[in-house]
Amino acid sequence: FSAQGLSALLLVILGAFGGAVYVAQEAFRSGQMA
């Protein structure tokens, strides 16, 4: 719950969401992922 700890958690939460959306919406449509 320190400033650094909360920042790290927030980064993981937002990063995981953004990464999942990117893979599902963009990466899966590339030929390399087929």
Full PDB file with SEQRES, HELIX, SHEET, SSBOND, CRYST1, ORIGX, SCALE, CONECT and MASTER records, all heavy atoms in Angstrom:
SEQRES   1 A   34  PHE SER ALA GLN GLY LEU SER ALA LEU LEU LEU VAL ILE          
SEQRES   2 A   34  LEU GLY ALA PHE GLY GLY ALA VAL TYR VAL ALA GLN GLU          
SEQRES   3 A   34  ALA PHE ARG SER GLY GLN MET ALA                              
HELIX    1 AA1 ALA A    3  GLN A   25  1                                  23    
HELIX    2 AA2 ALA A   27  ARG A   29  5                                   3    
HELIX    3 AA3 GLY A   31  MET A   33  5                                   3    
CRYST1    1.000    1.000    1.000  90.00  90.00  90.00 P 1           1          
ORIGX1      1.000000  0.000000  0.000000        0.00000                         
ORIGX2      0.000000  1.000000  0.000000        0.00000                         
ORIGX3      0.000000  0.000000  1.000000        0.00000                         
SCALE1      1.000000  0.000000  0.000000        0.00000                         
SCALE2      0.000000  1.000000  0.000000        0.00000                         
SCALE3      0.000000  0.000000  1.000000        0.00000                         
ATOM      1  N   PHE A   1       0.812  -1.220   0.000  1.00  0.00           N  
ATOM      2  CA  PHE A   1       0.000   0.000   0.000  1.00  0.00           C  
ATOM      3  C   PHE A   1       0.845   1.269   0.000  1.00  0.00           C  
ATOM      4  O   PHE A   1       0.309   2.360   0.207  1.00  0.00           O  
ATOM      5  CB  PHE A   1      -0.946  -0.004   1.198  1.00  0.00           C  
ATOM      6  CG  PHE A   1      -1.939  -1.127   1.155  1.00  0.00           C  
ATOM      7  CD1 PHE A   1      -1.760  -2.271   1.914  1.00  0.00           C  
ATOM      8  CD2 PHE A   1      -3.054  -1.053   0.326  1.00  0.00           C  
ATOM      9  CE1 PHE A   1      -2.665  -3.310   1.868  1.00  0.00           C  
ATOM     10  CE2 PHE A   1      -3.968  -2.098   0.281  1.00  0.00           C  
ATOM     11  CZ  PHE A   1      -3.773  -3.230   1.047  1.00  0.00           C  
ATOM     12  N   SER A   2       2.150   1.118  -0.220  1.00  0.00           N  
ATOM     13  CA  SER A   2       2.987   2.304  -0.376  1.00  0.00           C  
ATOM     14  C   SER A   2       2.745   2.891  -1.765  1.00  0.00           C  
ATOM     15  O   SER A   2       2.096   2.275  -2.618  1.00  0.00           O  
ATOM     16  CB  SER A   2       4.465   1.927  -0.221  1.00  0.00           C  
ATOM     17  OG  SER A   2       4.869   1.072  -1.281  1.00  0.00           O  
ATOM     18  N   ALA A   3       3.264   4.072  -2.001  1.00  0.00           N  
ATOM     19  CA  ALA A   3       3.076   4.703  -3.310  1.00  0.00           C  
ATOM     20  C   ALA A   3       3.656   3.834  -4.424  1.00  0.00           C  
ATOM     21  O   ALA A   3       3.045   3.669  -5.487  1.00  0.00           O  
ATOM     22  CB  ALA A   3       3.737   6.082  -3.317  1.00  0.00           C  
ATOM     23  N   GLN A   4       4.845   3.256  -4.147  1.00  0.00           N  
ATOM     24  CA  GLN A   4       5.466   2.414  -5.152  1.00  0.00           C  
ATOM     25  C   GLN A   4       4.679   1.118  -5.366  1.00  0.00           C  
ATOM     26  O   GLN A   4       4.500   0.669  -6.498  1.00  0.00           O  
ATOM     27  CB  GLN A   4       6.908   2.066  -4.748  1.00  0.00           C  
ATOM     28  CG  GLN A   4       7.849   3.253  -4.675  1.00  0.00           C  
ATOM     29  CD  GLN A   4       7.764   3.989  -3.355  1.00  0.00           C  
ATOM     30  OE1 GLN A   4       6.894   3.702  -2.514  1.00  0.00           O  
ATOM     31  NE2 GLN A   4       8.685   4.932  -3.164  1.00  0.00           N  
ATOM     32  N   GLY A   5       4.194   0.530  -4.270  1.00  0.00           N  
ATOM     33  CA  GLY A   5       3.445  -0.714  -4.378  1.00  0.00           C  
ATOM     34  C   GLY A   5       2.132  -0.536  -5.124  1.00  0.00           C  
ATOM     35  O   GLY A   5       1.782  -1.343  -5.992  1.00  0.00           O  
ATOM     36  N   LEU A   6       1.390   0.524  -4.786  1.00  0.00           N  
ATOM     37  CA  LEU A   6       0.122   0.780  -5.464  1.00  0.00           C  
ATOM     38  C   LEU A   6       0.336   1.109  -6.944  1.00  0.00           C  
ATOM     39  O   LEU A   6      -0.450   0.698  -7.809  1.00  0.00           O  
ATOM     40  CB  LEU A   6      -0.608   1.931  -4.779  1.00  0.00           C  
ATOM     41  CG  LEU A   6      -1.139   1.633  -3.363  1.00  0.00           C  
ATOM     42  CD1 LEU A   6      -1.719   2.890  -2.734  1.00  0.00           C  
ATOM     43  CD2 LEU A   6      -2.191   0.523  -3.409  1.00  0.00           C  
ATOM     44  N   SER A   7       1.409   1.832  -7.242  1.00  0.00           N  
ATOM     45  CA  SER A   7       1.713   2.153  -8.637  1.00  0.00           C  
ATOM     46  C   SER A   7       2.022   0.891  -9.432  1.00  0.00           C  
ATOM     47  O   SER A   7       1.587   0.738 -10.585  1.00  0.00           O  
ATOM     48  CB  SER A   7       2.898   3.122  -8.707  1.00  0.00           C  
ATOM     49  OG  SER A   7       2.595   4.346  -8.061  1.00  0.00           O  
ATOM     50  N   ALA A   8       2.789  -0.018  -8.802  1.00  0.00           N  
ATOM     51  CA  ALA A   8       3.131  -1.266  -9.476  1.00  0.00           C  
ATOM     52  C   ALA A   8       1.885  -2.116  -9.737  1.00  0.00           C  
ATOM     53  O   ALA A   8       1.710  -2.676 -10.821  1.00  0.00           O  
ATOM     54  CB  ALA A   8       4.135  -2.058  -8.649  1.00  0.00           C  
ATOM     55  N   LEU A   9       0.999  -2.188  -8.730  1.00  0.00           N  
ATOM     56  CA  LEU A   9      -0.239  -2.947  -8.900  1.00  0.00           C  
ATOM     57  C   LEU A   9      -1.110  -2.346  -9.993  1.00  0.00           C  
ATOM     58  O   LEU A   9      -1.685  -3.072 -10.822  1.00  0.00           O  
ATOM     59  CB  LEU A   9      -1.009  -2.997  -7.585  1.00  0.00           C  
ATOM     60  CG  LEU A   9      -0.559  -4.034  -6.556  1.00  0.00           C  
ATOM     61  CD1 LEU A   9      -1.283  -3.816  -5.230  1.00  0.00           C  
ATOM     62  CD2 LEU A   9      -0.814  -5.444  -7.067  1.00  0.00           C  
ATOM     63  N   LEU A  10      -1.213  -1.031  -9.993  1.00  0.00           N  
ATOM     64  CA  LEU A  10      -2.025  -0.353 -11.004  1.00  0.00           C  
ATOM     65  C   LEU A  10      -1.461  -0.603 -12.400  1.00  0.00           C  
ATOM     66  O   LEU A  10      -2.209  -0.822 -13.361  1.00  0.00           O  
ATOM     67  CB  LEU A  10      -2.073   1.145 -10.708  1.00  0.00           C  
ATOM     68  CG  LEU A  10      -3.046   1.978 -11.558  1.00  0.00           C  
ATOM     69  CD1 LEU A  10      -4.475   1.505 -11.342  1.00  0.00           C  
ATOM     70  CD2 LEU A  10      -2.908   3.458 -11.199  1.00  0.00           C  
ATOM     71  N   LEU A  11      -0.137  -0.601 -12.506  1.00  0.00           N  
ATOM     72  CA  LEU A  11       0.508  -0.849 -13.790  1.00  0.00           C  
ATOM     73  C   LEU A  11       0.219  -2.269 -14.279  1.00  0.00           C  
ATOM     74  O   LEU A  11      -0.065  -2.492 -15.464  1.00  0.00           O  
ATOM     75  CB  LEU A  11       2.018  -0.618 -13.663  1.00  0.00           C  
ATOM     76  CG  LEU A  11       2.836  -0.757 -14.954  1.00  0.00           C  
ATOM     77  CD1 LEU A  11       2.401   0.299 -15.965  1.00  0.00           C  
ATOM     78  CD2 LEU A  11       4.327  -0.622 -14.652  1.00  0.00           C  
ATOM     79  N   VAL A  12       0.283  -3.233 -13.345  1.00  0.00           N  
ATOM     80  CA  VAL A  12       0.006  -4.629 -13.710  1.00  0.00           C  
ATOM     81  C   VAL A  12      -1.452  -4.787 -14.143  1.00  0.00           C  
ATOM     82  O   VAL A  12      -1.752  -5.444 -15.149  1.00  0.00           O  
ATOM     83  CB  VAL A  12       0.321  -5.565 -12.529  1.00  0.00           C  
ATOM     84  CG1 VAL A  12      -0.195  -6.979 -12.801  1.00  0.00           C  
ATOM     85  CG2 VAL A  12       1.819  -5.602 -12.258  1.00  0.00           C  
ATOM     86  N   ILE A  13      -2.362  -4.180 -13.384  1.00  0.00           N  
ATOM     87  CA  ILE A  13      -3.797  -4.301 -13.688  1.00  0.00           C  
ATOM     88  C   ILE A  13      -4.130  -3.714 -15.051  1.00  0.00           C  
ATOM     89  O   ILE A  13      -4.795  -4.344 -15.872  1.00  0.00           O  
ATOM     90  CB  ILE A  13      -4.627  -3.617 -12.581  1.00  0.00           C  
ATOM     91  CG1 ILE A  13      -4.497  -4.397 -11.264  1.00  0.00           C  
ATOM     92  CG2 ILE A  13      -6.087  -3.501 -12.993  1.00  0.00           C  
ATOM     93  CD1 ILE A  13      -5.071  -3.675 -10.068  1.00  0.00           C  
ATOM     94  N   LEU A  14      -3.662  -2.498 -15.301  1.00  0.00           N  
ATOM     95  CA  LEU A  14      -3.946  -1.846 -16.586  1.00  0.00           C  
ATOM     96  C   LEU A  14      -3.180  -2.505 -17.728  1.00  0.00           C  
ATOM     97  O   LEU A  14      -3.702  -2.657 -18.837  1.00  0.00           O  
ATOM     98  CB  LEU A  14      -3.603  -0.362 -16.503  1.00  0.00           C  
ATOM     99  CG  LEU A  14      -4.432   0.462 -15.513  1.00  0.00           C  
ATOM    100  CD1 LEU A  14      -3.943   1.912 -15.488  1.00  0.00           C  
ATOM    101  CD2 LEU A  14      -5.910   0.415 -15.882  1.00  0.00           C  
ATOM    102  N   GLY A  15      -1.927  -2.901 -17.443  1.00  0.00           N  
ATOM    103  CA  GLY A  15      -1.116  -3.542 -18.478  1.00  0.00           C  
ATOM    104  C   GLY A  15      -1.690  -4.881 -18.908  1.00  0.00           C  
ATOM    105  O   GLY A  15      -1.704  -5.203 -20.099  1.00  0.00           O  
ATOM    106  N   ALA A  16      -2.165  -5.671 -17.947  1.00  0.00           N  
ATOM    107  CA  ALA A  16      -2.754  -6.970 -18.269  1.00  0.00           C  
ATOM    108  C   ALA A  16      -4.012  -6.794 -19.107  1.00  0.00           C  
ATOM    109  O   ALA A  16      -4.245  -7.527 -20.074  1.00  0.00           O  
ATOM    110  CB  ALA A  16      -3.072  -7.728 -16.987  1.00  0.00           C  
ATOM    111  N   PHE A  17      -4.822  -5.806 -18.759  1.00  0.00           N  
ATOM    112  CA  PHE A  17      -6.045  -5.543 -19.522  1.00  0.00           C  
ATOM    113  C   PHE A  17      -5.708  -5.102 -20.952  1.00  0.00           C  
ATOM    114  O   PHE A  17      -6.264  -5.631 -21.926  1.00  0.00           O  
ATOM    115  CB  PHE A  17      -6.878  -4.466 -18.834  1.00  0.00           C  
ATOM    116  CG  PHE A  17      -8.118  -4.067 -19.590  1.00  0.00           C  
ATOM    117  CD1 PHE A  17      -9.257  -4.852 -19.533  1.00  0.00           C  
ATOM    118  CD2 PHE A  17      -8.132  -2.918 -20.368  1.00  0.00           C  
ATOM    119  CE1 PHE A  17     -10.398  -4.501 -20.243  1.00  0.00           C  
ATOM    120  CE2 PHE A  17      -9.268  -2.557 -21.072  1.00  0.00           C  
ATOM    121  CZ  PHE A  17     -10.407  -3.357 -21.008  1.00  0.00           C  
ATOM    122  N   GLY A  18      -4.781  -4.151 -21.071  1.00  0.00           N  
ATOM    123  CA  GLY A  18      -4.404  -3.670 -22.396  1.00  0.00           C  
ATOM    124  C   GLY A  18      -3.786  -4.766 -23.256  1.00  0.00           C  
ATOM    125  O   GLY A  18      -4.081  -4.876 -24.449  1.00  0.00           O  
ATOM    126  N   GLY A  19      -2.941  -5.604 -22.631  1.00  0.00           N  
ATOM    127  CA  GLY A  19      -2.320  -6.695 -23.373  1.00  0.00           C  
ATOM    128  C   GLY A  19      -3.338  -7.714 -23.852  1.00  0.00           C  
ATOM    129  O   GLY A  19      -3.268  -8.198 -24.984  1.00  0.00           O  
ATOM    130  N   ALA A  20      -4.302  -8.048 -22.987  1.00  0.00           N  
ATOM    131  CA  ALA A  20      -5.329  -9.021 -23.361  1.00  0.00           C  
ATOM    132  C   ALA A  20      -6.189  -8.490 -24.505  1.00  0.00           C  
ATOM    133  O   ALA A  20      -6.519  -9.230 -25.445  1.00  0.00           O  
ATOM    134  CB  ALA A  20      -6.203  -9.348 -22.146  1.00  0.00           C  
ATOM    135  N   VAL A  21      -6.547  -7.215 -24.440  1.00  0.00           N  
ATOM    136  CA  VAL A  21      -7.355  -6.616 -25.504  1.00  0.00           C  
ATOM    137  C   VAL A  21      -6.580  -6.600 -26.816  1.00  0.00           C  
ATOM    138  O   VAL A  21      -7.124  -6.920 -27.888  1.00  0.00           O  
ATOM    139  CB  VAL A  21      -7.790  -5.189 -25.123  1.00  0.00           C  
ATOM    140  CG1 VAL A  21      -8.442  -4.491 -26.309  1.00  0.00           C  
ATOM    141  CG2 VAL A  21      -8.735  -5.225 -23.936  1.00  0.00           C  
ATOM    142  N   TYR A  22      -5.298  -6.256 -26.745  1.00  0.00           N  
ATOM    143  CA  TYR A  22      -4.486  -6.204 -27.963  1.00  0.00           C  
ATOM    144  C   TYR A  22      -4.382  -7.577 -28.615  1.00  0.00           C  
ATOM    145  O   TYR A  22      -4.542  -7.711 -29.836  1.00  0.00           O  
ATOM    146  CB  TYR A  22      -3.085  -5.682 -27.646  1.00  0.00           C  
ATOM    147  CG  TYR A  22      -2.133  -5.822 -28.812  1.00  0.00           C  
ATOM    148  CD1 TYR A  22      -2.193  -4.952 -29.895  1.00  0.00           C  
ATOM    149  CD2 TYR A  22      -1.196  -6.858 -28.837  1.00  0.00           C  
ATOM    150  CE1 TYR A  22      -1.338  -5.093 -30.976  1.00  0.00           C  
ATOM    151  CE2 TYR A  22      -0.340  -7.011 -29.920  1.00  0.00           C  
ATOM    152  CZ  TYR A  22      -0.419  -6.133 -30.986  1.00  0.00           C  
ATOM    153  OH  TYR A  22       0.424  -6.286 -32.060  1.00  0.00           O  
ATOM    154  N   VAL A  23      -4.123  -8.602 -27.813  1.00  0.00           N  
ATOM    155  CA  VAL A  23      -3.980  -9.953 -28.369  1.00  0.00           C  
ATOM    156  C   VAL A  23      -5.281 -10.404 -29.012  1.00  0.00           C  
ATOM    157  O   VAL A  23      -5.296 -10.940 -30.128  1.00  0.00           O  
ATOM    158  CB  VAL A  23      -3.545 -10.946 -27.277  1.00  0.00           C  
ATOM    159  CG1 VAL A  23      -3.612 -12.381 -27.794  1.00  0.00           C  
ATOM    160  CG2 VAL A  23      -2.131 -10.639 -26.801  1.00  0.00           C  
ATOM    161  N   ALA A  24      -6.397 -10.178 -28.307  1.00  0.00           N  
ATOM    162  CA  ALA A  24      -7.690 -10.637 -28.810  1.00  0.00           C  
ATOM    163  C   ALA A  24      -8.147  -9.866 -30.039  1.00  0.00           C  
ATOM    164  O   ALA A  24      -8.744 -10.441 -30.958  1.00  0.00           O  
ATOM    165  CB  ALA A  24      -8.741 -10.536 -27.715  1.00  0.00           C  
ATOM    166  N   GLN A  25      -7.873  -8.566 -30.097  1.00  0.00           N  
ATOM    167  CA  GLN A  25      -8.393  -7.728 -31.164  1.00  0.00           C  
ATOM    168  C   GLN A  25      -7.431  -7.539 -32.326  1.00  0.00           C  
ATOM    169  O   GLN A  25      -7.866  -7.330 -33.462  1.00  0.00           O  
ATOM    170  CB  GLN A  25      -8.771  -6.348 -30.611  1.00  0.00           C  
ATOM    171  CG  GLN A  25      -9.852  -6.388 -29.556  1.00  0.00           C  
ATOM    172  CD  GLN A  25     -11.199  -6.828 -30.112  1.00  0.00           C  
ATOM    173  OE1 GLN A  25     -11.545  -6.531 -31.245  1.00  0.00           O  
ATOM    174  NE2 GLN A  25     -11.967  -7.539 -29.313  1.00  0.00           N  
ATOM    175  N   GLU A  26      -6.140  -7.608 -32.064  1.00  0.00           N  
ATOM    176  CA  GLU A  26      -5.171  -7.301 -33.110  1.00  0.00           C  
ATOM    177  C   GLU A  26      -4.249  -8.479 -33.429  1.00  0.00           C  
ATOM    178  O   GLU A  26      -4.156  -8.897 -34.588  1.00  0.00           O  
ATOM    179  CB  GLU A  26      -4.321  -6.089 -32.701  1.00  0.00           C  
ATOM    180  CG  GLU A  26      -5.125  -4.834 -32.423  1.00  0.00           C  
ATOM    181  CD  GLU A  26      -5.834  -4.306 -33.660  1.00  0.00           C  
ATOM    182  OE1 GLU A  26      -5.364  -4.586 -34.773  1.00  0.00           O  
ATOM    183  OE2 GLU A  26      -6.862  -3.617 -33.510  1.00  0.00           O  
ATOM    184  N   ALA A  27      -3.589  -9.019 -32.418  1.00  0.00           N  
ATOM    185  CA  ALA A  27      -2.573 -10.050 -32.667  1.00  0.00           C  
ATOM    186  C   ALA A  27      -3.166 -11.296 -33.305  1.00  0.00           C  
ATOM    187  O   ALA A  27      -2.565 -11.915 -34.183  1.00  0.00           O  
ATOM    188  CB  ALA A  27      -1.857 -10.409 -31.363  1.00  0.00           C  
ATOM    189  N   PHE A  28      -4.374 -11.712 -32.861  1.00  0.00           N  
ATOM    190  CA  PHE A  28      -4.989 -12.921 -33.397  1.00  0.00           C  
ATOM    191  C   PHE A  28      -5.321 -12.797 -34.878  1.00  0.00           C  
ATOM    192  O   PHE A  28      -5.517 -13.798 -35.556  1.00  0.00           O  
ATOM    193  CB  PHE A  28      -6.261 -13.254 -32.617  1.00  0.00           C  
ATOM    194  CG  PHE A  28      -5.997 -14.021 -31.350  1.00  0.00           C  
ATOM    195  CD1 PHE A  28      -7.028 -14.287 -30.461  1.00  0.00           C  
ATOM    196  CD2 PHE A  28      -4.732 -14.476 -31.035  1.00  0.00           C  
ATOM    197  CE1 PHE A  28      -6.802 -14.988 -29.286  1.00  0.00           C  
ATOM    198  CE2 PHE A  28      -4.481 -15.180 -29.866  1.00  0.00           C  
ATOM    199  CZ  PHE A  28      -5.521 -15.439 -28.989  1.00  0.00           C  
ATOM    200  N   ARG A  29      -5.413 -11.577 -35.373  1.00  0.00           N  
ATOM    201  CA  ARG A  29      -5.768 -11.385 -36.776  1.00  0.00           C  
ATOM    202  C   ARG A  29      -4.546 -11.361 -37.685  1.00  0.00           C  
ATOM    203  O   ARG A  29      -4.673 -11.186 -38.897  1.00  0.00           O  
ATOM    204  CB  ARG A  29      -6.580 -10.098 -36.931  1.00  0.00           C  
ATOM    205  CG  ARG A  29      -8.009 -10.247 -36.407  1.00  0.00           C  
ATOM    206  CD  ARG A  29      -8.682  -8.918 -36.201  1.00  0.00           C  
ATOM    207  NE  ARG A  29     -10.110  -9.054 -35.927  1.00  0.00           N  
ATOM    208  CZ  ARG A  29     -10.632  -9.521 -34.796  1.00  0.00           C  
ATOM    209  NH1 ARG A  29      -9.836  -9.907 -33.817  1.00  0.00           N  
ATOM    210  NH2 ARG A  29     -11.944  -9.619 -34.636  1.00  0.00           N  
ATOM    211  N   SER A  30      -3.367 -11.529 -37.102  1.00  0.00           N  
ATOM    212  CA  SER A  30      -2.146 -11.551 -37.908  1.00  0.00           C  
ATOM    213  C   SER A  30      -1.844 -12.978 -38.353  1.00  0.00           C  
ATOM    214  O   SER A  30      -2.206 -13.944 -37.688  1.00  0.00           O  
ATOM    215  CB  SER A  30      -0.963 -11.006 -37.094  1.00  0.00           C  
ATOM    216  OG  SER A  30      -0.656 -11.878 -36.018  1.00  0.00           O  
ATOM    217  N   GLY A  31      -1.192 -13.096 -39.489  1.00  0.00           N  
ATOM    218  CA  GLY A  31      -0.872 -14.419 -40.014  1.00  0.00           C  
ATOM    219  C   GLY A  31       0.069 -15.200 -39.122  1.00  0.00           C  
ATOM    220  O   GLY A  31       0.031 -16.436 -39.100  1.00  0.00           O  
ATOM    221  N   GLN A  32       0.908 -14.497 -38.373  1.00  0.00           N  
ATOM    222  CA  GLN A  32       1.878 -15.181 -37.519  1.00  0.00           C  
ATOM    223  C   GLN A  32       1.209 -15.948 -36.387  1.00  0.00           C  
ATOM    224  O   GLN A  32       1.754 -16.937 -35.888  1.00  0.00           O  
ATOM    225  CB  GLN A  32       2.866 -14.162 -36.915  1.00  0.00           C  
ATOM    226  CG  GLN A  32       3.777 -13.489 -37.926  1.00  0.00           C  
ATOM    227  CD  GLN A  32       3.127 -12.317 -38.613  1.00  0.00           C  
ATOM    228  OE1 GLN A  32       1.937 -12.048 -38.408  1.00  0.00           O  
ATOM    229  NE2 GLN A  32       3.872 -11.604 -39.441  1.00  0.00           N  
ATOM    230  N   MET A  33       0.021 -15.509 -35.974  1.00  0.00           N  
ATOM    231  CA  MET A  33      -0.649 -16.157 -34.845  1.00  0.00           C  
ATOM    232  C   MET A  33      -1.486 -17.361 -35.274  1.00  0.00           C  
ATOM    233  O   MET A  33      -1.902 -18.156 -34.438  1.00  0.00           O  
ATOM    234  CB  MET A  33      -1.547 -15.156 -34.129  1.00  0.00           C  
ATOM    235  CG  MET A  33      -0.809 -14.193 -33.225  1.00  0.00           C  
ATOM    236  SD  MET A  33       0.012 -15.030 -31.837  1.00  0.00           S  
ATOM    237  CE  MET A  33      -1.425 -15.651 -30.934  1.00  0.00           C  
ATOM    238  N   ALA A  34      -1.746 -17.515 -36.562  1.00  0.00           N  
ATOM    239  CA  ALA A  34      -2.618 -18.588 -37.031  1.00  0.00           C  
ATOM    240  C   ALA A  34      -2.074 -19.957 -36.638  1.00  0.00           C  
ATOM    241  O   ALA A  34      -2.811 -20.821 -36.143  1.00  0.00           O  
ATOM    242  CB  ALA A  34      -2.801 -18.497 -38.542  1.00  0.00           C  
TER     243      ALA A  34                                                      
MASTER        0    0    0    3    0    0    0    6  242    1    0    3          
END                                                                             
